[in-house]
Protein backbone atom coordinates (compact mmCIF):
# COMPACT_ATOMS: atom_id res chain seq x y z
CA MET A 1 0.02 -0.04 0.07
CA ALA A 2 1.42 3.43 -0.90
CA SER A 3 1.52 5.50 2.16
CA THR A 4 0.98 8.88 0.73
CA GLY A 5 -1.09 10.02 -2.25
CA LEU A 6 -2.14 13.40 -4.02
CA LEU A 7 -5.64 13.76 -5.25
CA VAL A 8 -6.28 16.49 -7.76
CA VAL A 9 -9.83 17.79 -7.27
CA SER A 10 -11.60 19.39 -10.14
CA ASN A 11 -15.30 18.74 -8.87
CA ILE A 12 -16.00 18.67 -5.33
CA LYS A 13 -19.15 16.71 -6.00
CA GLN A 14 -17.01 13.66 -6.85
CA LEU A 15 -15.13 13.89 -3.47
CA GLY A 16 -16.87 11.11 -1.77
CA LYS A 17 -16.62 8.75 -4.66
CA SER A 18 -12.84 9.77 -5.02
CA LEU A 19 -12.02 8.95 -1.46
CA ARG A 20 -13.80 5.68 -1.43
CA SER A 21 -11.75 4.58 -4.31
CA ILE A 22 -8.54 5.93 -2.89
CA GLU A 23 -8.73 5.13 0.73
CA LYS A 24 -7.57 1.52 0.35
CA TYR A 25 -4.11 2.74 -1.08
CA VAL A 26 -3.16 5.46 1.17
CA ASN A 27 -3.08 6.61 4.86
CA SER A 28 -2.07 10.14 3.90
CA LEU A 29 -3.69 12.18 1.18
CA TYR A 30 -2.90 15.56 -0.12
CA ILE A 31 -5.72 17.38 -1.83
CA HIS A 32 -4.63 19.77 -4.73
CA ILE A 33 -7.40 21.97 -6.00
CA ASN A 34 -7.39 22.43 -9.71
CA VAL A 35 -7.10 26.23 -10.13
CA THR A 36 -7.65 26.34 -13.92
CA GLY A 37 -10.37 28.31 -15.67
CA SER A 38 -12.48 31.12 -14.40
CA THR A 39 -11.60 30.43 -10.86
CA GLN A 40 -7.93 31.09 -11.34
CA SER A 41 -8.30 34.87 -10.44
CA ALA A 42 -10.06 34.20 -7.06
CA SER A 43 -8.14 35.50 -4.10
CA SER A 44 -7.15 33.05 -1.48
CA PRO A 45 -9.85 33.75 1.11
CA ALA A 46 -12.56 32.82 -1.50
CA TRP A 47 -11.55 29.29 -1.17
CA GLY A 48 -12.35 29.15 2.52
CA ARG A 49 -15.85 27.72 2.30
CA LEU A 50 -14.92 25.17 -0.32
CA ILE A 51 -11.81 24.02 1.57
CA SER A 52 -13.97 23.72 4.80
CA GLN A 53 -16.40 21.57 2.88
CA LEU A 54 -13.62 19.45 1.53
CA TYR A 55 -12.40 18.69 5.01
CA ALA A 56 -15.73 18.15 6.49
CA ASP A 57 -16.89 15.95 3.67
CA GLY A 58 -13.63 14.04 3.69
CA SER A 59 -13.88 13.34 7.35
CA SER A 60 -17.45 11.92 6.82
CA TYR A 61 -16.16 9.46 4.12
CA VAL A 62 -12.84 8.38 5.58
CA GLY A 63 -12.92 9.45 9.24
CA ASN A 64 -9.36 9.23 10.85
CA LYS A 65 -8.24 6.41 8.61
CA VAL A 66 -6.64 8.88 6.07
CA ASP A 67 -4.91 12.18 7.03
CA LEU A 68 -6.31 14.66 4.63
CA ARG A 69 -4.32 17.84 3.89
CA VAL A 70 -5.66 20.48 1.49
CA LEU A 71 -2.77 22.39 -0.15
CA VAL A 72 -3.09 26.24 0.21
CA ALA A 73 0.30 27.45 -1.47
CA PRO A 74 -0.83 26.54 -5.11
CA LEU A 75 -4.06 28.64 -4.61
CA LYS A 76 -2.12 31.69 -3.40
CA GLU A 77 0.37 31.19 -6.22
CA GLN A 78 -2.52 30.50 -8.72
CA SER A 79 -0.14 27.98 -10.26
CA ALA A 80 -0.56 24.03 -10.35
CA VAL A 81 3.09 23.64 -8.95
CA GLY A 82 3.59 27.17 -7.25
CA GLY A 83 4.67 26.83 -3.53
CA LEU A 84 4.76 23.00 -3.45
CA SER A 85 7.13 21.74 -0.83
CA LEU A 86 5.62 18.68 0.71
CA ARG A 87 6.77 17.13 3.91
CA LYS A 88 6.04 13.68 2.90
CA PRO A 89 7.13 12.04 -0.34
CA VAL A 90 4.18 11.21 -2.65
CA ASP A 91 3.91 7.69 -4.08
CA MET A 92 0.82 8.17 -6.29
CA ILE A 93 -1.30 10.74 -7.93
CA PHE A 94 -5.11 10.48 -8.41
CA SER A 95 -7.32 12.81 -10.36
CA ASP A 96 -11.23 13.02 -10.31
CA ALA A 97 -11.08 14.43 -13.88
CA HIS A 98 -9.14 13.87 -17.03
CA GLN A 99 -6.45 16.35 -16.61
CA PRO A 100 -3.28 14.76 -18.04
CA GLU A 101 -1.17 17.78 -18.57
CA LEU A 102 -1.78 19.19 -15.09
CA CYS A 103 -0.95 15.77 -13.54
CA ASP A 104 2.07 15.36 -15.54
CA ARG A 105 3.37 18.70 -14.22
CA LEU A 106 2.75 17.72 -10.69
CA ARG A 107 4.36 14.13 -11.22
CA ASN A 108 7.48 16.03 -12.65
CA ALA A 109 7.50 18.59 -9.83
CA LEU A 110 7.16 15.91 -7.17
CA ASN A 111 9.33 13.20 -8.82
CA ILE A 112 6.67 10.64 -9.01
CA SER A 113 7.45 7.59 -11.28
CA GLN A 114 3.97 6.01 -11.14
CA PRO A 115 1.44 7.02 -13.91
CA THR A 116 -1.56 9.15 -12.71
CA ILE A 117 -4.79 7.22 -11.89
CA PHE A 118 -7.72 8.96 -13.42
CA LEU A 119 -10.97 8.20 -11.48
CA ASN A 120 -13.24 9.86 -14.03
CA ASP A 121 -13.13 10.51 -17.81
CA ALA A 122 -14.69 13.97 -17.50
CA ASN A 123 -12.50 17.03 -17.69
CA SER A 124 -14.77 19.68 -16.20
CA CYS A 125 -14.43 21.78 -13.17
CA ASP A 126 -17.02 22.70 -10.79
CA PHE A 127 -16.35 24.82 -7.70
CA GLN A 128 -19.72 26.28 -6.95
CA LEU A 129 -18.80 26.91 -3.31
CA LEU A 130 -16.29 29.77 -3.93
CA GLU A 131 -17.05 32.67 -1.60
CA THR A 132 -17.34 35.73 -3.84
CA ASP A 133 -19.46 37.65 -1.41
CA VAL A 134 -17.13 37.63 1.53
CA ASN A 135 -14.22 39.80 2.45
CA GLN A 136 -11.42 39.11 0.01
CA LYS A 137 -8.80 40.99 2.07
CA VAL A 138 -5.65 39.30 3.21
CA TYR A 139 -3.53 40.62 5.95
CA PRO A 140 0.36 40.86 6.67
CA THR A 141 0.03 39.33 10.08
CA VAL A 142 -2.75 36.90 11.24
CA VAL A 143 -3.02 35.35 14.82
CA LEU A 144 -4.98 32.61 16.25
CA GLY A 145 -4.69 30.32 19.45
CA GLY A 146 -5.82 27.09 20.93
CA THR A 147 -4.68 23.80 22.56
CA PHE A 148 -4.22 21.97 19.25
CA ASP A 149 -4.06 18.66 20.85
CA ARG A 150 -3.77 15.80 18.17
CA ILE A 151 -4.66 17.86 15.02
CA HIS A 152 -8.22 16.88 13.83
CA VAL A 153 -10.53 18.17 11.00
CA GLY A 154 -11.85 21.11 13.14
CA HIS A 155 -8.16 22.18 13.60
CA LYS A 156 -7.40 21.70 10.02
CA ILE A 157 -10.39 24.07 9.00
CA PHE A 158 -9.44 26.64 11.67
CA LEU A 159 -5.83 26.73 10.73
CA THR A 160 -6.55 26.86 7.03
CA GLN A 161 -8.87 29.65 7.20
CA ALA A 162 -6.08 31.72 9.04
CA VAL A 163 -3.59 30.73 6.41
CA LEU A 164 -5.80 31.76 3.57
CA ARG A 165 -6.06 35.27 5.06
CA ALA A 166 -2.36 35.76 5.76
CA CYS A 167 0.09 36.91 3.27
CA LYS A 168 3.39 37.32 5.44
CA ARG A 169 3.15 35.93 8.95
CA LEU A 170 0.87 33.67 11.05
CA VAL A 171 1.19 33.72 14.70
CA VAL A 172 -0.15 30.71 16.61
CA GLY A 173 -0.39 30.65 20.39
CA VAL A 174 -0.50 27.09 22.04
CA THR A 175 -1.78 26.61 25.51
CA THR A 176 0.69 25.13 28.11
CA ALA A 177 -0.23 22.80 30.84
CA ALA A 178 -1.14 25.90 32.91
CA MET A 179 -4.15 26.53 30.85
CA THR A 180 -5.33 23.08 30.20
CA LYS A 181 -6.18 21.68 33.74
CA GLY A 182 -9.88 22.36 33.18
CA LYS A 183 -9.96 20.32 29.87
CA ILE A 184 -11.42 16.74 29.67
CA LEU A 185 -8.81 14.27 30.36
CA PRO A 186 -6.00 16.95 30.72
CA GLU A 187 -3.46 14.04 31.60
CA LEU A 188 -3.78 12.80 28.04
CA ILE A 189 -3.04 16.08 26.32
CA LEU A 190 0.26 15.76 24.53
CA PRO A 191 3.16 17.97 25.71
CA VAL A 192 3.28 21.53 24.38
CA GLU A 193 6.42 20.92 22.62
CA GLN A 194 5.18 18.09 20.63
CA ARG A 195 1.89 20.00 19.81
CA ILE A 196 4.04 22.92 18.52
CA ALA A 197 6.10 20.51 16.38
CA GLU A 198 3.04 19.06 14.90
CA LEU A 199 1.46 22.22 14.16
CA ARG A 200 4.56 23.44 12.35
CA GLU A 201 4.76 20.47 10.36
CA PHE A 202 1.09 20.69 9.20
CA LEU A 203 1.33 24.32 8.48
CA LEU A 204 4.47 24.16 6.39
CA ASP A 205 2.90 21.29 4.48
CA ILE A 206 -0.15 23.19 3.23
CA ASP A 207 1.63 26.54 2.69
CA ASN A 208 5.38 27.07 3.02
CA THR A 209 5.17 30.68 1.79
CA LEU A 210 4.46 32.21 5.22
CA GLN A 211 6.56 32.92 8.40
CA TYR A 212 5.27 30.80 11.33
CA ASP A 213 5.70 32.09 14.89
CA ILE A 214 4.26 29.15 17.03
CA VAL A 215 4.72 30.15 20.59
CA PRO A 216 3.56 28.60 24.01
CA ILE A 217 1.19 30.64 25.97
CA ASP A 218 0.26 30.59 29.68
CA ASP A 219 -2.73 32.89 29.56
CA PRO A 220 -5.55 33.45 27.04
CA PHE A 221 -4.14 36.50 25.35
CA GLY A 222 -0.48 35.57 24.74
CA PRO A 223 1.44 37.86 22.24
CA THR A 224 -1.69 39.82 21.18
CA GLN A 225 -1.07 41.79 24.40
CA HIS A 226 2.05 43.34 23.27
CA ASP A 227 2.84 42.68 19.48
CA PRO A 228 2.01 45.85 17.64
CA ASP A 229 2.30 44.17 14.19
CA MET A 230 -0.76 42.18 14.18
CA ASP A 231 -3.80 42.86 11.76
CA LEU A 232 -6.39 39.95 12.04
CA ILE A 233 -7.30 37.61 14.77
CA VAL A 234 -9.11 34.32 13.74
CA VAL A 235 -11.60 32.79 16.39
CA SER A 236 -14.30 30.21 16.52
CA ALA A 237 -17.96 31.34 17.04
CA GLU A 238 -17.60 30.27 20.75
CA THR A 239 -14.50 32.34 21.34
CA LEU A 240 -15.63 35.45 19.71
CA ARG A 241 -15.83 37.22 23.05
CA GLY A 242 -12.30 36.39 23.64
CA GLY A 243 -11.31 38.09 20.40
CA GLN A 244 -13.26 41.09 21.57
CA LYS A 245 -11.44 41.00 24.87
CA VAL A 246 -8.00 41.02 23.05
CA ASN A 247 -8.97 44.28 21.44
CA GLU A 248 -10.07 45.74 24.86
CA ILE A 249 -6.56 44.93 26.24
CA ARG A 250 -4.85 46.32 23.06
CA ALA A 251 -6.97 49.58 23.38
CA ALA A 252 -5.81 49.87 26.84
CA LYS A 253 -2.29 49.59 25.77
CA GLN A 254 -2.76 51.87 22.75
CA LEU A 255 -2.03 49.20 20.20
CA ARG A 256 -3.73 48.82 16.95
CA GLN A 257 -7.14 47.11 16.94
CA LEU A 258 -7.46 43.60 15.21
CA GLU A 259 -10.01 42.81 12.71
CA ILE A 260 -11.89 39.65 13.88
CA PHE A 261 -12.86 36.78 11.62
CA ALA A 262 -15.07 34.17 13.26
CA ILE A 263 -15.59 30.70 11.80
CA ASP A 264 -18.29 28.22 12.77
CA ILE A 265 -17.37 25.23 14.83
CA VAL A 266 -17.63 21.77 13.05
CA GLU A 267 -20.45 19.79 14.79
CA SER A 268 -19.70 16.18 15.93
CA LYS A 269 -21.84 13.38 14.61
CA VAL A 270 -21.59 11.43 17.90
CA VAL A 271 -24.49 12.39 20.09
CA ASP A 272 -24.21 10.22 23.31
CA GLY A 273 -24.16 12.76 26.21
CA ILE A 274 -20.52 12.01 26.87
CA HIS A 275 -18.71 13.35 23.81
CA GLU A 276 -18.86 17.20 23.14
CA SER A 277 -21.26 18.34 20.51
CA LYS A 278 -18.46 19.87 18.39
CA VAL A 279 -15.57 18.07 16.83
CA SER A 280 -12.85 18.60 19.49
CA SER A 281 -9.61 17.22 20.90
CA SER A 282 -11.63 16.33 24.10
CA ASN A 283 -13.52 13.92 21.91
CA THR A 284 -10.33 12.48 20.71
CA ARG A 285 -9.05 11.92 24.06
CA ILE A 286 -12.16 10.28 25.18
CA ASP A 287 -12.00 7.96 22.39
CA LEU A 288 -8.49 6.88 23.57
CA LEU A 289 -10.01 5.48 26.73
CA GLY A 290 -9.69 1.62 26.62
CA THR A 291 -7.24 1.67 23.76
CA ARG A 292 -3.65 1.12 24.02
CA TRP A 293 -2.46 4.72 23.64
CA ARG A 294 1.12 3.83 24.47
CA GLN A 295 2.90 0.46 23.28
CA PRO A 296 4.36 -1.79 26.12
CA GLU A 297 8.13 -1.89 26.54
CA VAL A 298 9.40 -4.64 24.34
CA GLY A 299 12.54 -6.82 24.08
CA LEU A 300 13.84 -9.70 22.11
CA ASP A 301 11.72 -12.95 22.78
CA PRO A 302 14.40 -15.72 23.20
CA VAL A 303 11.84 -18.33 22.05
CA ALA A 304 10.98 -16.45 18.82
CA LEU A 305 14.67 -15.98 18.13
CA THR A 306 14.87 -19.81 17.59
CA GLU A 307 12.53 -19.74 14.57
CA LEU A 308 12.84 -17.36 11.63
CA LYS A 309 9.17 -17.87 10.69
CA MET A 310 8.37 -16.09 14.05
CA PHE A 311 10.15 -12.84 13.08
CA PRO A 312 7.05 -10.68 13.67
CA TYR A 313 7.00 -11.94 17.22
CA LEU A 314 10.67 -11.36 18.01
CA PHE A 315 9.89 -8.26 20.21
CA GLN A 316 7.52 -9.09 22.98
CA PRO A 317 6.46 -6.99 26.10
CA ARG A 318 8.68 -7.96 29.03
CA PRO A 319 10.38 -10.83 27.50
CA GLN A 320 11.94 -11.64 30.81
CA LEU A 321 8.56 -12.89 31.93
CA PRO A 322 6.87 -16.13 30.99
CA ALA A 323 4.43 -15.32 28.01
CA ARG A 324 1.54 -16.96 29.79
CA PRO A 325 -0.26 -15.80 31.76
CA TYR A 326 -0.05 -12.47 30.24
CA ILE A 327 0.04 -10.11 33.18
CA ILE A 328 -1.91 -6.85 33.42
CA GLY A 329 -0.80 -4.47 36.15
CA LEU A 330 -4.13 -2.67 37.07
CA THR A 331 -3.69 0.47 39.30
CA GLY A 332 -5.43 3.90 40.09
CA GLY A 333 -5.79 6.40 42.61
CA ILE A 334 -8.23 6.24 45.54
CA ALA A 335 -11.88 6.21 44.44
CA SER A 336 -11.09 5.97 40.80
CA GLY A 337 -13.08 2.66 40.31
CA LYS A 338 -10.06 0.36 40.08
CA SER A 339 -11.57 -2.43 41.95
CA LYS A 340 -14.76 -2.28 39.88
CA MET A 341 -12.62 -2.46 36.66
CA ALA A 342 -10.82 -5.54 38.09
CA GLU A 343 -14.24 -7.19 38.80
CA ARG A 344 -15.31 -6.24 35.08
CA LEU A 345 -12.16 -7.75 33.65
CA GLY A 346 -12.62 -10.89 35.94
CA GLN A 347 -16.08 -11.32 34.57
CA MET A 348 -14.67 -11.15 30.97
CA GLY A 349 -12.30 -14.04 31.74
CA ALA A 350 -9.20 -12.73 33.44
CA HIS A 351 -7.83 -14.32 36.68
CA VAL A 352 -7.77 -11.38 39.15
CA ILE A 353 -5.12 -11.25 41.95
CA ASP A 354 -6.19 -8.39 44.50
CA CYS A 355 -2.88 -7.31 46.14
CA ASP A 356 -4.76 -5.66 48.96
CA LYS A 357 -6.20 -9.16 49.98
CA VAL A 358 -2.72 -10.74 49.50
CA ALA A 359 -1.46 -8.03 51.92
CA HIS A 360 -3.98 -9.15 54.53
CA ASP A 361 -2.64 -12.69 54.11
CA VAL A 362 1.11 -11.88 54.56
CA TYR A 363 0.14 -9.90 57.77
CA GLU A 364 -1.08 -13.14 59.24
CA PRO A 365 0.89 -14.79 62.12
CA GLY A 366 3.58 -17.20 60.97
CA GLN A 367 4.34 -15.19 57.81
CA ALA A 368 7.65 -13.55 57.34
CA CYS A 369 6.19 -10.16 56.84
CA TYR A 370 4.38 -10.62 60.18
CA GLU A 371 7.55 -11.32 62.10
CA LYS A 372 9.36 -8.31 60.54
CA ILE A 373 6.61 -5.92 61.25
CA VAL A 374 6.17 -6.95 64.99
CA LYS A 375 9.89 -6.88 65.38
CA HIS A 376 10.23 -3.25 64.14
CA PHE A 377 6.93 -1.74 65.53
CA GLY A 378 6.76 -3.80 68.76
CA GLU A 379 3.93 -6.09 70.16
CA GLU A 380 1.94 -2.96 71.08
CA ILE A 381 0.49 -3.22 67.50
CA LEU A 382 -1.08 -6.67 68.21
CA SER A 383 -4.74 -7.55 69.07
CA ASP A 384 -5.68 -9.77 71.79
CA ASP A 385 -5.71 -12.86 69.30
CA GLY A 386 -2.02 -11.98 68.34
CA ARG A 387 -2.82 -10.55 64.90
CA ILE A 388 -1.69 -7.20 63.72
CA ASP A 389 -4.24 -4.63 64.50
CA ARG A 390 -4.29 -2.12 61.70
CA THR A 391 -5.93 0.47 63.75
CA LYS A 392 -3.00 0.43 65.98
CA LEU A 393 -0.39 0.22 63.32
CA GLY A 394 -1.89 3.04 61.30
CA PRO A 395 -1.40 6.03 63.57
CA LEU A 396 2.29 5.03 63.88
CA VAL A 397 2.97 5.39 60.05
CA PHE A 398 0.51 7.79 58.76
CA GLY A 399 1.94 11.18 59.22
CA ASN A 400 5.41 9.72 59.87
CA VAL A 401 7.12 9.58 56.54
CA LYS A 402 10.02 7.61 57.82
CA GLU A 403 8.17 5.02 59.44
CA LEU A 404 5.81 4.69 56.42
CA GLU A 405 8.70 4.05 54.19
CA THR A 406 9.95 1.43 56.84
CA LEU A 407 6.64 -0.41 56.73
CA ASN A 408 6.56 -0.27 52.86
CA SER A 409 10.13 -1.58 52.64
CA ILE A 410 8.92 -4.69 54.69
CA VAL A 411 5.64 -5.32 53.16
CA TRP A 412 6.14 -4.61 49.47
CA PRO A 413 8.92 -7.13 48.76
CA GLU A 414 7.23 -9.84 50.99
CA LEU A 415 3.86 -9.18 49.24
CA MET A 416 5.41 -9.61 45.77
CA VAL A 417 7.12 -12.94 46.91
CA GLU A 418 3.58 -14.20 47.71
CA VAL A 419 2.22 -12.86 44.32
CA ASN A 420 4.98 -14.57 42.40
CA ARG A 421 4.21 -17.87 44.44
CA ARG A 422 0.60 -17.63 43.37
CA LEU A 423 1.59 -16.90 39.75
CA ASP A 424 3.82 -19.92 39.81
CA GLU A 425 0.94 -22.08 40.86
CA LEU A 426 -1.12 -20.79 38.06
CA ARG A 427 1.59 -21.54 35.50
CA ALA A 428 1.92 -25.10 36.92
CA ALA A 429 -1.81 -25.67 36.66
CA ALA A 430 -3.46 -27.89 33.95
CA ASN A 431 -5.26 -24.92 32.46
CA VAL A 432 -2.97 -21.95 32.62
CA PRO A 433 -5.04 -18.66 32.57
CA LYS A 434 -4.44 -16.55 29.42
CA VAL A 435 -4.58 -13.27 31.37
CA VAL A 436 -3.95 -12.29 34.95
CA VAL A 437 -4.91 -8.96 36.27
CA LEU A 438 -2.76 -7.86 39.15
CA GLU A 439 -4.87 -5.25 41.03
CA ALA A 440 -2.60 -2.96 43.22
CA ALA A 441 -3.11 0.55 44.28
CA VAL A 442 0.62 0.83 45.08
CA LEU A 443 1.89 -0.96 41.70
CA LEU A 444 3.89 2.18 40.45
CA LYS A 445 4.99 3.31 43.90
CA ALA A 446 6.24 -0.20 44.68
CA GLY A 447 7.93 -0.53 41.22
CA TRP A 448 5.84 -3.60 40.33
CA GLU A 449 5.32 -2.74 36.87
CA ILE A 450 8.42 -4.60 36.03
CA HIS A 451 6.61 -7.62 36.96
CA CYS A 452 3.68 -7.00 34.44
CA HIS A 453 3.62 -7.21 30.72
CA GLU A 454 1.78 -3.90 30.61
CA VAL A 455 -0.07 -1.45 32.85
CA TRP A 456 -3.73 -0.48 32.64
CA SER A 457 -4.86 2.38 34.92
CA MET A 458 -8.06 4.05 36.16
CA ILE A 459 -8.20 7.91 36.57
CA VAL A 460 -10.88 10.44 37.44
CA PRO A 461 -10.57 14.13 37.99
CA PRO A 462 -9.25 15.05 41.53
CA ASP A 463 -12.60 17.00 42.41
CA GLU A 464 -14.62 13.84 41.39
CA ALA A 465 -12.29 11.68 43.64
CA VAL A 466 -12.76 13.97 46.68
CA ARG A 467 -16.49 13.86 46.04
CA ARG A 468 -16.34 10.01 46.12
CA ILE A 469 -14.06 9.84 49.24
CA ILE A 470 -16.38 12.30 51.14
CA GLU A 471 -19.41 10.13 50.12
CA ARG A 472 -17.90 6.72 50.65
CA ASN A 473 -15.80 7.29 53.84
CA ASN A 474 -17.82 10.03 55.45
CA LEU A 475 -15.01 12.36 55.71
CA SER A 476 -14.66 16.22 55.50
CA GLU A 477 -13.39 17.70 52.34
CA LYS A 478 -10.09 18.65 54.00
CA GLU A 479 -9.75 14.96 55.04
CA ALA A 480 -10.52 13.72 51.65
CA ARG A 481 -8.09 16.09 49.92
CA ASN A 482 -5.27 15.09 52.33
CA ARG A 483 -5.83 11.41 51.41
CA LEU A 484 -5.83 12.27 47.70
CA ALA A 485 -2.56 14.23 48.19
CA ASN A 486 -0.75 11.05 49.29
CA GLN A 487 -1.74 9.21 45.95
CA VAL A 488 0.31 9.06 42.80
CA LYS A 489 -0.71 11.87 40.62
CA ASN A 490 -2.91 11.12 37.45
CA THR A 491 -0.04 12.47 35.26
CA ASP A 492 2.48 10.18 36.74
CA ILE A 493 0.01 7.19 36.41
CA VAL A 494 -0.79 8.03 32.74
CA ALA A 495 2.99 8.37 31.98
CA LYS A 496 3.65 4.68 32.95
CA SER A 497 0.46 3.22 31.51
CA GLN A 498 -0.34 1.61 28.20
CA VAL A 499 -4.10 1.71 28.60
CA ILE A 500 -6.21 4.30 30.36
CA PHE A 501 -9.64 4.03 31.77
CA SER A 502 -11.89 6.82 33.35
CA SER A 503 -14.96 6.09 35.30
CA GLN A 504 -16.07 9.79 35.50
CA TRP A 505 -19.07 9.08 33.20
CA ASP A 506 -21.73 6.57 33.51
CA TYR A 507 -21.48 2.88 34.26
CA ASP A 508 -22.19 1.70 30.54
CA PHE A 509 -19.38 3.93 29.18
CA THR A 510 -16.96 2.49 31.54
CA GLN A 511 -18.07 -0.98 30.69
CA LEU A 512 -17.65 -0.04 27.04
CA GLN A 513 -14.03 0.96 27.80
CA ALA A 514 -13.27 -2.35 29.45
CA GLU A 515 -14.83 -4.27 26.64
CA ARG A 516 -12.75 -2.45 24.07
CA ALA A 517 -9.54 -3.05 26.01
CA TRP A 518 -10.27 -6.83 26.53
CA LYS A 519 -11.16 -7.34 22.95
CA MET A 520 -8.09 -5.67 21.75
CA LEU A 521 -5.78 -7.78 23.98
CA ASN A 522 -7.31 -11.04 23.18
CA LYS A 523 -7.05 -10.35 19.35
CA GLU A 524 -3.41 -9.66 20.02
CA LEU A 525 -2.59 -12.71 22.18
CA ASP A 526 -4.64 -15.03 19.85
CA GLY A 527 -2.71 -13.84 16.93
CA ARG A 528 0.67 -14.99 18.44
CA PRO A 529 2.15 -18.42 17.82
CA GLN A 530 1.41 -20.99 20.54
CA SER A 531 5.12 -21.36 21.11
CA SER A 532 5.45 -17.76 22.24
CA LEU A 533 2.66 -18.18 24.62
């Protein structure tokens, strides 16, 4: 399959048919609008509505399967090959009309050896969506801002409208973590440096004739507060008030007022009460739940090394661990729904080891852990029947960092010894379980992820966790927040996890996440050779 193609569009009405024909060949597609005929004299802003329609229709036909990028530079240059400097090498050219001369020029400019694939014998152009009634003005410097997390069709339309109206410089403010805390699933937002890099790559791809100043911003107004050389701000309909506020700030500082261009938001086709009604990065992050958003750490599988036919399976998660059972480390903060997720996975077929219950077992008299705890903390922590009384032990360690570290240094290694003993029993059984879920709140603190093939985690917003703690444990808000403060932060959990779940919505949606992850895992495990399992 060719990875990247270029489609010459002469008739927007043919787009759906064209994309359905092309999608099996490419995963990235440049769209080159044929600027021949009467439309050639149109100024670049006049193409705004048509390009927005191209993106919206394209998203409807191919979704996220194909990365669509509409080239703007040739429209500004009013030339078939003007301004073409693509970031990805193009493997194939397609055309929705019989335009051999134009396509040959493109093939030569892009060094494409493959002949053009003509999807239609007609040679007419139809661009009825050109905006002849809008402001055709272009501006030296245009500015816009946003989070721009994982560029989607809404971003592409937003950015393209700005590019069409800029003739020298485009300034883009990209929000930092200081401004994204209130977003949905902020822990899954890409680092600002990565978002800036992806933005720059996209913008240079569609139009390399502009100067791009892409800067991180810690407040809603960024460089608009002090840069005198700005002319137009592009906003969405829902952030129009923000554009007006920019001008109020500039007026107070005696800076030139910016003209404001507002674009409509792109409506989402998903209506479920969970996703936002517009196409958004929040929806993209919601859709990551229950998927493997980060690949497990892999290494060479010594079994697969012995057979060349098993080459695709040479690299396996945690090859130092036996391949079966496949161990999922399940963790999450207090009140995140971790135990309920373990129950769900157990009902689907996983064998669940609850480390909290294992800890109770290693506290029992006669266990090595019991002896070590009593030796350090004294017999004052024992109840009348000789067992460790946690209500007596607790006050000695909570609030005393040194003593808590001592307790953990005793319990965690002994607990893992017991877990490994139970895993060995499972491996020796006649029917070895395919998947074991190791449920442990302290999984990451204790460093137990090295004993798992991968980590799956539960997260909820801190305020939701506090609400649940208050309700479940009958604590004050201060007490609940103190408990939460002692937990591993969501950002740290996410950084070490391969699959993320969130129970902040309803029961059914959390169940859907679990089913998605379980189906994904079993499909992968079932596709591996038996000798690697």
